[in-house]
Amino acid sequence: MPIIAYLNFNGMTEEAVHFYHQVFGTDTPQIQYFRDMPGHESDSQLENRVLHARLTVHGTPLYFSDSMPQNPVSHGDGITLAIVSDDAELLTSEYNKLAEGGRILMPLQDTFWSKAYGIVEDRYGIQWQINHEE
């Protein structure tokens, strides 16, 4: 079984999933909400929070969820998601879209190991390494 990244957000998962759907041109996201759980009682803090969402990016599944309001999450720089492709044009497009509203940590550039390598933190605090490989 593969190791799958599971990204958690503080009530912004639906927005983030739709953003990534646009960036990577994925199939329609699969999103389940707390309100859809069998036996769920109405709770205004949870109604619109995402229980589980899934996207497949470059053939790899990514999972998403909102945190519980009493247990907010914070994002750090200990983990980055790496996108590796032999299509430099596609990588450049994805890098630029991820950078919109985010922060460029390393400009996309030619390095001794890659024709296009860069690091960006997107508007949701998730860091991405973009790496071109033949």
N, C-alpha and C. Protein backbone atom coordinates (compact mmCIF):
# COMPACT_ATOMS: atom_id res chain seq x y z
N MET A 1 0.85 -1.18 0.00
CA MET A 1 0.00 0.00 0.00
C MET A 1 0.90 1.25 0.00
N PRO A 2 0.49 2.28 -0.72
CA PRO A 2 1.31 3.50 -0.78
C PRO A 2 1.15 4.34 0.49
N ILE A 3 2.11 5.22 0.70
CA ILE A 3 1.98 6.24 1.73
C ILE A 3 1.28 7.42 1.06
N ILE A 4 0.22 7.91 1.67
CA ILE A 4 -0.58 8.98 1.08
C ILE A 4 -0.51 10.20 1.99
N ALA A 5 -0.19 11.35 1.42
CA ALA A 5 -0.20 12.59 2.20
C ALA A 5 -1.64 12.95 2.53
N TYR A 6 -1.87 13.32 3.79
CA TYR A 6 -3.20 13.73 4.25
C TYR A 6 -3.07 15.14 4.78
N LEU A 7 -3.60 16.10 4.05
CA LEU A 7 -3.45 17.51 4.38
C LEU A 7 -4.65 17.99 5.18
N ASN A 8 -4.38 18.66 6.29
CA ASN A 8 -5.44 19.17 7.17
C ASN A 8 -5.43 20.69 7.17
N PHE A 9 -6.63 21.26 7.22
CA PHE A 9 -6.79 22.70 7.21
C PHE A 9 -7.79 23.11 8.28
N ASN A 10 -7.78 24.39 8.62
CA ASN A 10 -8.68 24.94 9.63
C ASN A 10 -9.92 25.54 8.97
N GLY A 11 -10.79 24.67 8.48
CA GLY A 11 -12.05 25.14 7.90
C GLY A 11 -11.93 25.63 6.47
N MET A 12 -10.78 25.43 5.83
CA MET A 12 -10.59 25.90 4.45
C MET A 12 -10.34 24.75 3.47
N THR A 13 -10.64 23.54 3.86
CA THR A 13 -10.33 22.40 3.01
C THR A 13 -11.07 22.46 1.69
N GLU A 14 -12.36 22.76 1.71
CA GLU A 14 -13.11 22.79 0.45
C GLU A 14 -12.48 23.79 -0.52
N GLU A 15 -12.16 24.98 -0.02
CA GLU A 15 -11.53 26.00 -0.85
C GLU A 15 -10.17 25.51 -1.38
N ALA A 16 -9.37 24.91 -0.51
CA ALA A 16 -8.05 24.42 -0.91
C ALA A 16 -8.16 23.32 -1.96
N VAL A 17 -9.07 22.39 -1.76
CA VAL A 17 -9.25 21.29 -2.71
C VAL A 17 -9.65 21.81 -4.08
N HIS A 18 -10.53 22.79 -4.14
CA HIS A 18 -10.92 23.36 -5.43
C HIS A 18 -9.75 24.12 -6.06
N PHE A 19 -8.94 24.78 -5.25
CA PHE A 19 -7.74 25.45 -5.75
C PHE A 19 -6.79 24.42 -6.38
N TYR A 20 -6.51 23.33 -5.68
CA TYR A 20 -5.60 22.31 -6.22
C TYR A 20 -6.19 21.64 -7.46
N HIS A 21 -7.50 21.47 -7.47
CA HIS A 21 -8.19 20.93 -8.64
C HIS A 21 -7.89 21.80 -9.86
N GLN A 22 -7.94 23.12 -9.68
CA GLN A 22 -7.66 24.05 -10.77
C GLN A 22 -6.18 24.04 -11.14
N VAL A 23 -5.30 24.06 -10.15
CA VAL A 23 -3.85 24.09 -10.40
C VAL A 23 -3.41 22.88 -11.21
N PHE A 24 -3.87 21.70 -10.79
CA PHE A 24 -3.36 20.46 -11.38
C PHE A 24 -4.29 19.86 -12.44
N GLY A 25 -5.44 20.48 -12.68
CA GLY A 25 -6.34 19.98 -13.71
C GLY A 25 -6.80 18.55 -13.45
N THR A 26 -7.14 18.28 -12.20
CA THR A 26 -7.53 16.92 -11.82
C THR A 26 -8.99 16.64 -12.18
N ASP A 27 -9.38 15.38 -12.00
CA ASP A 27 -10.79 15.03 -12.09
C ASP A 27 -11.52 15.77 -10.96
N THR A 28 -12.83 15.81 -11.04
CA THR A 28 -13.63 16.47 -10.02
C THR A 28 -13.30 15.90 -8.64
N PRO A 29 -13.06 16.78 -7.66
CA PRO A 29 -12.72 16.28 -6.32
C PRO A 29 -13.86 15.50 -5.70
N GLN A 30 -13.50 14.52 -4.91
CA GLN A 30 -14.46 13.78 -4.10
C GLN A 30 -14.45 14.41 -2.71
N ILE A 31 -15.58 14.96 -2.27
CA ILE A 31 -15.64 15.65 -0.99
C ILE A 31 -16.80 15.13 -0.16
N GLN A 32 -16.51 14.77 1.09
CA GLN A 32 -17.53 14.37 2.05
C GLN A 32 -17.48 15.36 3.22
N TYR A 33 -18.65 15.74 3.71
CA TYR A 33 -18.74 16.73 4.78
C TYR A 33 -19.17 16.07 6.08
N PHE A 34 -18.85 16.71 7.18
CA PHE A 34 -19.29 16.20 8.47
C PHE A 34 -20.80 16.06 8.52
N ARG A 35 -21.53 16.99 7.87
CA ARG A 35 -23.00 16.96 7.89
C ARG A 35 -23.56 15.71 7.20
N ASP A 36 -22.75 15.06 6.38
CA ASP A 36 -23.20 13.88 5.64
C ASP A 36 -23.02 12.58 6.41
N MET A 37 -22.41 12.64 7.59
CA MET A 37 -22.19 11.42 8.37
C MET A 37 -23.51 10.88 8.88
N PRO A 38 -23.71 9.57 8.79
CA PRO A 38 -24.93 8.99 9.36
C PRO A 38 -25.02 9.30 10.85
N GLY A 39 -26.19 9.72 11.28
CA GLY A 39 -26.40 10.01 12.69
C GLY A 39 -25.83 11.35 13.15
N HIS A 40 -25.30 12.14 12.21
CA HIS A 40 -24.72 13.44 12.58
C HIS A 40 -25.81 14.38 13.07
N GLU A 41 -25.57 14.97 14.22
CA GLU A 41 -26.49 15.97 14.74
C GLU A 41 -26.01 17.35 14.30
N SER A 42 -26.95 18.22 14.03
CA SER A 42 -26.61 19.56 13.56
C SER A 42 -25.65 20.26 14.52
N ASP A 43 -24.58 20.77 13.98
CA ASP A 43 -23.57 21.50 14.74
C ASP A 43 -23.02 22.57 13.82
N SER A 44 -23.32 23.81 14.12
CA SER A 44 -22.94 24.90 13.21
C SER A 44 -21.44 24.98 12.98
N GLN A 45 -20.63 24.51 13.93
CA GLN A 45 -19.18 24.56 13.75
C GLN A 45 -18.68 23.49 12.78
N LEU A 46 -19.44 22.43 12.59
CA LEU A 46 -18.98 21.32 11.74
C LEU A 46 -19.74 21.17 10.43
N GLU A 47 -20.91 21.76 10.32
CA GLU A 47 -21.79 21.55 9.17
C GLU A 47 -21.06 21.59 7.83
N ASN A 48 -20.25 22.62 7.60
CA ASN A 48 -19.61 22.81 6.30
C ASN A 48 -18.15 22.41 6.28
N ARG A 49 -17.69 21.81 7.35
CA ARG A 49 -16.29 21.34 7.36
C ARG A 49 -16.20 20.03 6.60
N VAL A 50 -15.04 19.83 5.99
CA VAL A 50 -14.80 18.64 5.19
C VAL A 50 -14.32 17.51 6.08
N LEU A 51 -15.02 16.41 6.03
CA LEU A 51 -14.63 15.20 6.75
C LEU A 51 -13.50 14.50 6.00
N HIS A 52 -13.65 14.39 4.68
CA HIS A 52 -12.63 13.73 3.86
C HIS A 52 -12.79 14.19 2.41
N ALA A 53 -11.67 14.46 1.77
CA ALA A 53 -11.67 14.78 0.35
C ALA A 53 -10.48 14.08 -0.28
N ARG A 54 -10.60 13.89 -1.60
CA ARG A 54 -9.55 13.18 -2.32
C ARG A 54 -9.37 13.79 -3.71
N LEU A 55 -8.11 13.95 -4.08
CA LEU A 55 -7.71 14.34 -5.43
C LEU A 55 -6.58 13.41 -5.85
N THR A 56 -6.48 13.17 -7.14
CA THR A 56 -5.33 12.45 -7.66
C THR A 56 -4.52 13.45 -8.47
N VAL A 57 -3.28 13.67 -8.04
CA VAL A 57 -2.38 14.65 -8.66
C VAL A 57 -1.19 13.90 -9.24
N HIS A 58 -1.00 14.02 -10.54
CA HIS A 58 0.10 13.32 -11.22
C HIS A 58 0.11 11.83 -10.88
N GLY A 59 -1.07 11.23 -10.78
CA GLY A 59 -1.18 9.81 -10.52
C GLY A 59 -1.11 9.41 -9.05
N THR A 60 -0.93 10.37 -8.17
CA THR A 60 -0.80 10.09 -6.74
C THR A 60 -2.00 10.65 -5.99
N PRO A 61 -2.64 9.82 -5.15
CA PRO A 61 -3.76 10.34 -4.38
C PRO A 61 -3.28 11.27 -3.26
N LEU A 62 -4.03 12.34 -3.05
CA LEU A 62 -3.84 13.21 -1.89
C LEU A 62 -5.17 13.26 -1.16
N TYR A 63 -5.11 13.16 0.17
CA TYR A 63 -6.30 13.23 1.00
C TYR A 63 -6.30 14.56 1.76
N PHE A 64 -7.51 15.02 2.10
CA PHE A 64 -7.68 16.30 2.76
C PHE A 64 -8.77 16.20 3.81
N SER A 65 -8.66 17.04 4.84
CA SER A 65 -9.70 17.11 5.87
C SER A 65 -9.57 18.42 6.62
N ASP A 66 -10.69 18.87 7.19
CA ASP A 66 -10.65 20.00 8.10
C ASP A 66 -10.38 19.50 9.50
N SER A 67 -9.67 20.32 10.26
CA SER A 67 -9.44 19.99 11.67
C SER A 67 -10.72 20.25 12.46
N MET A 68 -10.76 19.74 13.64
CA MET A 68 -11.86 20.05 14.54
C MET A 68 -11.62 21.46 15.06
N PRO A 69 -12.67 22.25 15.25
CA PRO A 69 -12.48 23.65 15.69
C PRO A 69 -11.65 23.79 16.96
N GLN A 70 -11.76 22.85 17.87
CA GLN A 70 -11.02 22.93 19.13
C GLN A 70 -9.58 22.44 19.00
N ASN A 71 -9.21 21.88 17.84
CA ASN A 71 -7.86 21.38 17.60
C ASN A 71 -7.30 21.92 16.30
N PRO A 72 -7.03 23.23 16.21
CA PRO A 72 -6.53 23.78 14.95
C PRO A 72 -5.15 23.22 14.60
N VAL A 73 -4.89 23.20 13.31
CA VAL A 73 -3.59 22.72 12.82
C VAL A 73 -2.75 23.92 12.40
N SER A 74 -1.44 23.70 12.38
CA SER A 74 -0.53 24.71 11.83
C SER A 74 0.37 24.00 10.84
N HIS A 75 0.77 24.73 9.82
CA HIS A 75 1.64 24.16 8.80
C HIS A 75 3.05 24.67 9.05
N GLY A 76 4.01 23.80 8.83
CA GLY A 76 5.41 24.18 9.02
C GLY A 76 6.23 23.86 7.80
N ASP A 77 7.52 23.89 7.98
CA ASP A 77 8.41 23.63 6.85
C ASP A 77 9.10 22.27 6.97
N GLY A 78 8.57 21.40 7.81
CA GLY A 78 9.18 20.09 7.99
C GLY A 78 8.86 19.10 6.88
N ILE A 79 7.80 19.37 6.12
CA ILE A 79 7.41 18.47 5.04
C ILE A 79 7.04 19.31 3.82
N THR A 80 7.51 18.90 2.66
CA THR A 80 7.08 19.51 1.41
C THR A 80 6.53 18.40 0.52
N LEU A 81 5.64 18.77 -0.37
CA LEU A 81 5.15 17.84 -1.37
C LEU A 81 5.96 18.08 -2.64
N ALA A 82 6.46 17.01 -3.24
CA ALA A 82 7.31 17.14 -4.42
C ALA A 82 6.55 16.70 -5.66
N ILE A 83 6.53 17.57 -6.66
CA ILE A 83 5.94 17.26 -7.95
C ILE A 83 7.10 17.02 -8.90
N VAL A 84 7.14 15.83 -9.49
CA VAL A 84 8.22 15.46 -10.40
C VAL A 84 7.59 15.08 -11.74
N SER A 85 8.12 15.67 -12.81
CA SER A 85 7.58 15.39 -14.14
C SER A 85 8.67 15.63 -15.18
N ASP A 86 8.47 15.03 -16.35
CA ASP A 86 9.38 15.30 -17.47
C ASP A 86 8.83 16.40 -18.37
N ASP A 87 7.74 17.03 -17.97
CA ASP A 87 7.12 18.10 -18.74
C ASP A 87 7.40 19.45 -18.08
N ALA A 88 8.46 20.12 -18.52
CA ALA A 88 8.89 21.38 -17.91
C ALA A 88 7.84 22.47 -18.06
N GLU A 89 7.13 22.48 -19.17
CA GLU A 89 6.09 23.49 -19.39
C GLU A 89 4.95 23.33 -18.39
N LEU A 90 4.53 22.09 -18.18
CA LEU A 90 3.47 21.80 -17.20
C LEU A 90 3.93 22.21 -15.80
N LEU A 91 5.16 21.85 -15.43
CA LEU A 91 5.68 22.19 -14.11
C LEU A 91 5.73 23.71 -13.91
N THR A 92 6.13 24.44 -14.93
CA THR A 92 6.19 25.89 -14.83
C THR A 92 4.80 26.46 -14.59
N SER A 93 3.81 25.96 -15.31
CA SER A 93 2.43 26.41 -15.13
C SER A 93 1.94 26.13 -13.72
N GLU A 94 2.18 24.92 -13.23
CA GLU A 94 1.73 24.55 -11.89
C GLU A 94 2.45 25.38 -10.82
N TYR A 95 3.75 25.58 -10.98
CA TYR A 95 4.52 26.39 -10.05
C TYR A 95 3.93 27.80 -9.97
N ASN A 96 3.68 28.41 -11.12
CA ASN A 96 3.14 29.77 -11.15
C ASN A 96 1.76 29.85 -10.50
N LYS A 97 0.92 28.86 -10.73
CA LYS A 97 -0.41 28.85 -10.11
C LYS A 97 -0.32 28.67 -8.59
N LEU A 98 0.57 27.79 -8.14
CA LEU A 98 0.76 27.59 -6.70
C LEU A 98 1.29 28.86 -6.03
N ALA A 99 2.10 29.62 -6.76
CA ALA A 99 2.70 30.84 -6.21
C ALA A 99 1.69 31.98 -6.07
N GLU A 100 0.58 31.94 -6.81
CA GLU A 100 -0.43 33.01 -6.73
C GLU A 100 -0.99 33.09 -5.32
N GLY A 101 -0.74 34.19 -4.67
CA GLY A 101 -1.21 34.37 -3.30
C GLY A 101 -0.35 33.66 -2.28
N GLY A 102 0.72 33.03 -2.73
CA GLY A 102 1.62 32.31 -1.84
C GLY A 102 2.96 33.01 -1.72
N ARG A 103 4.01 32.21 -1.55
CA ARG A 103 5.34 32.78 -1.32
C ARG A 103 6.38 31.92 -2.03
N ILE A 104 7.18 32.55 -2.86
CA ILE A 104 8.25 31.83 -3.57
C ILE A 104 9.42 31.68 -2.62
N LEU A 105 9.81 30.44 -2.35
CA LEU A 105 10.94 30.16 -1.48
C LEU A 105 12.22 29.97 -2.29
N MET A 106 12.08 29.44 -3.49
CA MET A 106 13.20 29.32 -4.42
C MET A 106 12.62 29.45 -5.81
N PRO A 107 13.05 30.47 -6.57
CA PRO A 107 12.50 30.64 -7.92
C PRO A 107 12.73 29.38 -8.77
N LEU A 108 11.81 29.13 -9.66
CA LEU A 108 11.95 28.00 -10.58
C LEU A 108 13.13 28.31 -11.49
N GLN A 109 14.09 27.39 -11.52
CA GLN A 109 15.33 27.66 -12.24
C GLN A 109 16.01 26.38 -12.71
N ASP A 110 16.96 26.57 -13.59
CA ASP A 110 17.82 25.49 -14.08
C ASP A 110 18.89 25.22 -13.03
N THR A 111 19.03 23.96 -12.65
CA THR A 111 20.08 23.57 -11.70
C THR A 111 20.91 22.47 -12.33
N PHE A 112 21.94 22.04 -11.65
CA PHE A 112 22.79 20.98 -12.22
C PHE A 112 22.07 19.63 -12.27
N TRP A 113 20.97 19.47 -11.52
CA TRP A 113 20.24 18.20 -11.56
C TRP A 113 18.89 18.30 -12.27
N SER A 114 18.46 19.52 -12.59
CA SER A 114 17.11 19.67 -13.13
C SER A 114 17.03 20.89 -14.05
N LYS A 115 16.24 20.76 -15.12
CA LYS A 115 16.00 21.91 -16.00
C LYS A 115 15.06 22.92 -15.36
N ALA A 116 14.27 22.47 -14.39
CA ALA A 116 13.32 23.34 -13.73
C ALA A 116 13.11 22.85 -12.30
N TYR A 117 13.67 23.58 -11.34
CA TYR A 117 13.51 23.22 -9.93
C TYR A 117 13.20 24.49 -9.15
N GLY A 118 12.22 24.40 -8.27
CA GLY A 118 11.88 25.52 -7.40
C GLY A 118 11.04 25.07 -6.24
N ILE A 119 10.91 25.95 -5.26
CA ILE A 119 10.10 25.66 -4.07
C ILE A 119 9.15 26.83 -3.85
N VAL A 120 7.91 26.51 -3.61
CA VAL A 120 6.88 27.53 -3.38
C VAL A 120 5.99 27.09 -2.22
N GLU A 121 5.59 28.09 -1.43
CA GLU A 121 4.59 27.85 -0.39
C GLU A 121 3.29 28.46 -0.90
N ASP A 122 2.25 27.65 -1.01
CA ASP A 122 1.01 28.16 -1.57
C ASP A 122 0.24 28.98 -0.55
N ARG A 123 -0.88 29.53 -0.97
CA ARG A 123 -1.69 30.42 -0.13
C ARG A 123 -2.24 29.74 1.11
N TYR A 124 -2.17 28.41 1.18
CA TYR A 124 -2.67 27.67 2.34
C TYR A 124 -1.56 27.22 3.27
N GLY A 125 -0.32 27.61 2.97
CA GLY A 125 0.80 27.27 3.82
C GLY A 125 1.46 25.93 3.50
N ILE A 126 1.07 25.31 2.40
CA ILE A 126 1.66 24.03 1.99
C ILE A 126 2.85 24.31 1.08
N GLN A 127 3.98 23.66 1.38
CA GLN A 127 5.18 23.86 0.57
C GLN A 127 5.29 22.76 -0.49
N TRP A 128 5.66 23.19 -1.70
CA TRP A 128 5.79 22.30 -2.85
C TRP A 128 7.17 22.44 -3.46
N GLN A 129 7.81 21.33 -3.75
CA GLN A 129 9.03 21.31 -4.54
C GLN A 129 8.65 20.89 -5.95
N ILE A 130 9.08 21.65 -6.91
CA ILE A 130 8.81 21.35 -8.32
C ILE A 130 10.13 20.89 -8.92
N ASN A 131 10.14 19.72 -9.55
CA ASN A 131 11.39 19.16 -10.04
C ASN A 131 11.18 18.49 -11.40
N HIS A 132 11.89 18.97 -12.38
CA HIS A 132 11.86 18.38 -13.73
C HIS A 132 12.88 17.24 -13.78
N GLU A 133 12.43 16.09 -14.21
CA GLU A 133 13.32 14.94 -14.42
C GLU A 133 13.01 14.37 -15.79
N GLU A 134 14.07 14.03 -16.52
CA GLU A 134 13.90 13.40 -17.85
C GLU A 134 13.35 12.01 -17.68
